[in-house]
Amino acid sequence: MVTVRRNSTLVYKLLAAFMVLTALHSVIMPVLGHLQIRNHFQQNNYMYLRFPLLALVYYLSFRRFNSRGVWLCILLWCLTPVFLWTNCRAMGWNTVHTPYLVAGSATMIACILMYLYHMFASDTVRPTAYPLFWSSIGLLFLFLTVIPSVGLLNLLVANNLLLAQHAAISLVFVNYITYSMIAADFIIQWKQQKAADLSASR
């Protein structure tokens, strides 16, 4: 994120905002656990901010390809207030809104796969040189594993807290892989900007 500069694209600035949001969430969750406060409301807070923000990142990315993928992002924005209203009425705010987690993850998987398709279908540059290539791979890995992982974790919490603690470690590992890949994209765009600035100064 420290590689984001004033002339960075809006996509990278929004991705940096997503990383800040995730970092804050990662700090708040253990603090709530230490205070022995039920943290499900914070998981909902994070979900309802994370998915629309990522949808905006991919909406802007799809526009460069004139892709119909923009409608997936618009669909997620339209569904978010519907899920927020119905889930709050049915489950309250202190229960994880699993239906929205599933819907948001499924929509993001579809967005990522469509974006990767566009990158590989383009023969103008190497796919790895595109914005969001490594981030997309990392996020795809995250969202493909989040549903079974969360389901398993909730099952273990209800039946075996010791095993649940070990299962939670695997989620931390998945997050490390994902955010390491996102960091790689920031480094790549910083190098590209530095090379462009060097060429412009000559």
Protein backbone atom coordinates (compact mmCIF):
# COMPACT_ATOMS: atom_id res chain seq x y z
CA MET A 1 0.00 0.00 0.00
CA VAL A 2 2.91 2.35 0.63
CA THR A 3 3.59 2.14 -3.11
CA VAL A 4 0.31 3.96 -3.89
CA ARG A 5 0.99 7.50 -5.01
CA ARG A 6 -1.04 10.47 -6.14
CA ASN A 7 -0.82 9.41 -9.79
CA SER A 8 -1.76 5.79 -9.05
CA THR A 9 -4.91 4.59 -10.77
CA LEU A 10 -8.24 4.68 -8.95
CA VAL A 11 -8.28 0.87 -9.00
CA TYR A 12 -5.11 0.71 -6.90
CA LYS A 13 -6.33 3.44 -4.57
CA LEU A 14 -9.55 1.48 -3.97
CA LEU A 15 -7.55 -1.73 -3.52
CA ALA A 16 -5.42 0.10 -0.94
CA ALA A 17 -8.63 1.17 0.83
CA PHE A 18 -9.69 -2.49 0.86
CA MET A 19 -6.36 -3.43 2.45
CA VAL A 20 -6.77 -0.72 5.11
CA LEU A 21 -10.29 -1.96 5.82
CA THR A 22 -8.98 -5.52 6.15
CA ALA A 23 -6.15 -4.41 8.45
CA LEU A 24 -8.60 -2.60 10.73
CA HIS A 25 -10.83 -5.67 10.78
CA SER A 26 -7.83 -7.85 11.68
CA VAL A 27 -7.06 -5.58 14.64
CA ILE A 28 -10.65 -5.22 15.87
CA MET A 29 -11.44 -8.97 15.85
CA PRO A 30 -8.77 -10.10 18.38
CA VAL A 31 -9.51 -7.07 20.58
CA LEU A 32 -13.16 -8.11 20.76
CA GLY A 33 -12.06 -11.67 21.49
CA HIS A 34 -9.75 -10.48 24.27
CA LEU A 35 -12.62 -8.49 25.77
CA GLN A 36 -14.82 -11.59 25.43
CA ILE A 37 -17.29 -9.69 23.25
CA ARG A 38 -19.23 -11.59 20.61
CA ASN A 39 -17.61 -10.53 17.32
CA HIS A 40 -20.24 -11.55 14.77
CA PHE A 41 -21.47 -7.98 14.36
CA GLN A 42 -17.94 -6.95 13.28
CA GLN A 43 -17.84 -9.77 10.73
CA ASN A 44 -21.07 -8.38 9.28
CA ASN A 45 -19.67 -4.85 9.26
CA TYR A 46 -16.66 -6.08 7.31
CA MET A 47 -18.70 -8.13 4.82
CA TYR A 48 -21.10 -5.33 3.95
CA LEU A 49 -18.16 -3.00 3.28
CA ARG A 50 -15.80 -5.51 1.65
CA PHE A 51 -17.98 -6.93 -1.12
CA PRO A 52 -19.31 -3.59 -2.49
CA LEU A 53 -15.78 -2.14 -2.39
CA LEU A 54 -14.32 -5.07 -4.31
CA ALA A 55 -17.25 -4.87 -6.74
CA LEU A 56 -16.28 -1.25 -7.43
CA VAL A 57 -12.67 -2.31 -8.07
CA TYR A 58 -13.78 -4.88 -10.64
CA TYR A 59 -16.43 -2.58 -12.13
CA LEU A 60 -13.68 -0.09 -13.03
CA SER A 61 -11.47 -2.93 -14.28
CA PHE A 62 -14.22 -4.38 -16.49
CA ARG A 63 -14.79 -1.01 -18.13
CA ARG A 64 -11.37 -1.12 -19.77
CA PHE A 65 -12.48 -4.28 -21.59
CA ASN A 66 -16.02 -2.99 -22.31
CA SER A 67 -17.08 -6.17 -20.54
CA ARG A 68 -20.55 -7.25 -19.51
CA GLY A 69 -18.94 -8.13 -16.19
CA VAL A 70 -19.92 -4.65 -15.02
CA TRP A 71 -23.45 -6.03 -14.60
CA LEU A 72 -22.22 -8.58 -12.06
CA CYS A 73 -20.87 -5.72 -9.98
CA ILE A 74 -24.09 -3.73 -10.35
CA LEU A 75 -26.06 -6.85 -9.35
CA LEU A 76 -24.02 -7.18 -6.15
CA TRP A 77 -24.63 -3.52 -5.29
CA CYS A 78 -28.36 -3.99 -5.84
CA LEU A 79 -28.49 -7.18 -3.78
CA THR A 80 -26.48 -5.80 -0.84
CA PRO A 81 -29.25 -3.61 0.67
CA VAL A 82 -31.76 -6.44 0.08
CA PHE A 83 -29.60 -8.92 2.00
CA LEU A 84 -28.88 -6.31 4.68
CA TRP A 85 -32.58 -5.68 5.26
CA THR A 86 -33.77 -9.29 5.15
CA ASN A 87 -30.85 -10.72 7.16
CA CYS A 88 -31.17 -8.07 9.87
CA ARG A 89 -34.87 -8.80 10.22
CA ALA A 90 -34.37 -12.58 10.24
CA MET A 91 -31.13 -12.93 12.22
CA GLY A 92 -30.26 -9.61 13.80
CA TRP A 93 -26.82 -7.99 13.64
CA ASN A 94 -25.07 -10.29 16.14
CA THR A 95 -25.35 -13.38 13.93
CA VAL A 96 -23.11 -13.81 10.89
CA HIS A 97 -25.16 -13.18 7.75
CA THR A 98 -24.11 -16.36 5.98
CA PRO A 99 -26.51 -15.92 3.01
CA TYR A 100 -24.79 -12.66 2.09
CA LEU A 101 -21.37 -14.22 2.63
CA VAL A 102 -22.28 -17.00 0.17
CA ALA A 103 -23.87 -14.62 -2.36
CA GLY A 104 -21.02 -12.10 -2.14
CA SER A 105 -18.33 -14.76 -2.45
CA ALA A 106 -20.08 -16.44 -5.41
CA THR A 107 -20.47 -13.10 -7.21
CA MET A 108 -16.83 -12.18 -6.62
CA ILE A 109 -15.69 -15.60 -7.90
CA ALA A 110 -17.69 -14.98 -11.10
CA CYS A 111 -16.21 -11.46 -11.44
CA ILE A 112 -12.66 -12.69 -10.92
CA LEU A 113 -13.01 -15.57 -13.39
CA MET A 114 -14.46 -13.22 -16.02
CA TYR A 115 -11.67 -10.69 -15.44
CA LEU A 116 -8.99 -13.38 -15.73
CA TYR A 117 -10.64 -14.59 -18.95
CA HIS A 118 -10.38 -11.10 -20.42
CA MET A 119 -6.74 -10.84 -19.40
CA PHE A 120 -5.76 -14.15 -20.96
CA ALA A 121 -7.85 -13.45 -24.08
CA SER A 122 -5.98 -10.20 -24.64
CA ASP A 123 -2.78 -10.54 -26.69
CA THR A 124 -1.56 -6.98 -26.15
CA VAL A 125 0.54 -7.59 -23.05
CA ARG A 126 1.46 -10.40 -20.71
CA PRO A 127 -1.42 -11.19 -18.30
CA THR A 128 0.90 -10.77 -15.31
CA ALA A 129 1.49 -7.15 -16.36
CA TYR A 130 -2.20 -6.29 -16.03
CA PRO A 131 -3.50 -4.56 -12.91
CA LEU A 132 -5.07 -6.98 -10.45
CA PHE A 133 -3.63 -10.18 -11.94
CA TRP A 134 -1.99 -11.44 -8.73
CA SER A 135 -4.70 -9.84 -6.60
CA SER A 136 -7.33 -11.72 -8.60
CA ILE A 137 -5.52 -15.03 -8.15
CA GLY A 138 -5.24 -14.42 -4.41
CA LEU A 139 -8.86 -13.32 -4.03
CA LEU A 140 -10.07 -16.27 -6.09
CA PHE A 141 -8.19 -18.61 -3.75
CA LEU A 142 -9.69 -16.81 -0.75
CA PHE A 143 -13.31 -16.89 -1.92
CA LEU A 144 -13.11 -20.48 -3.14
CA THR A 145 -12.03 -21.56 0.34
CA VAL A 146 -14.02 -19.17 2.51
CA ILE A 147 -17.40 -20.91 2.28
CA PRO A 148 -16.28 -24.45 3.25
CA SER A 149 -13.81 -23.05 5.78
CA VAL A 150 -16.37 -20.87 7.55
CA GLY A 151 -18.92 -23.69 7.49
CA LEU A 152 -16.41 -26.11 9.02
CA LEU A 153 -15.34 -23.54 11.59
CA ASN A 154 -18.92 -22.86 12.71
CA LEU A 155 -19.52 -26.61 13.01
CA LEU A 156 -16.39 -27.09 15.12
CA VAL A 157 -17.16 -24.10 17.35
CA ALA A 158 -20.47 -25.76 18.20
CA ASN A 159 -18.88 -29.15 18.89
CA ASN A 160 -15.15 -28.92 19.60
CA LEU A 161 -13.52 -25.59 20.49
CA LEU A 162 -10.01 -27.06 20.49
CA LEU A 163 -10.33 -28.29 16.91
CA ALA A 164 -11.96 -24.98 15.98
CA GLN A 165 -8.84 -23.13 17.14
CA HIS A 166 -6.66 -25.31 14.91
CA ALA A 167 -9.05 -24.87 11.97
CA ALA A 168 -8.88 -21.09 12.41
CA ILE A 169 -5.13 -21.27 11.80
CA SER A 170 -5.78 -22.53 8.26
CA LEU A 171 -7.95 -19.45 7.59
CA VAL A 172 -5.08 -17.23 8.73
CA PHE A 173 -2.78 -19.08 6.31
CA VAL A 174 -5.22 -18.51 3.43
CA ASN A 175 -5.36 -14.81 4.29
CA TYR A 176 -1.55 -14.56 4.31
CA ILE A 177 -1.39 -16.05 0.81
CA THR A 178 -4.13 -13.76 -0.50
CA TYR A 179 -2.74 -10.53 0.88
CA SER A 180 0.81 -11.43 -0.12
CA MET A 181 -0.42 -11.71 -3.72
CA ILE A 182 -2.20 -8.37 -3.44
CA ALA A 183 1.03 -6.84 -2.11
CA ALA A 184 2.84 -8.24 -5.16
CA ASP A 185 0.46 -6.28 -7.41
CA PHE A 186 1.27 -3.08 -5.54
CA ILE A 187 4.98 -3.69 -6.01
CA ILE A 188 4.51 -4.36 -9.73
CA GLN A 189 2.49 -1.18 -10.29
CA TRP A 190 5.07 0.83 -8.31
CA LYS A 191 7.85 -0.48 -10.55
CA GLN A 192 5.77 0.30 -13.65
CA GLN A 193 5.14 3.85 -12.45
CA LYS A 194 8.80 4.32 -11.60
CA ALA A 195 9.84 3.15 -15.09
CA ALA A 196 7.25 5.46 -16.68
CA ASP A 197 8.48 8.43 -14.64
CA LEU A 198 12.07 7.65 -15.62
CA SER A 199 11.13 7.51 -19.31
CA ALA A 200 9.22 10.78 -19.06
CA SER A 201 12.17 12.56 -17.45
CA ARG A 202 14.52 11.67 -20.29
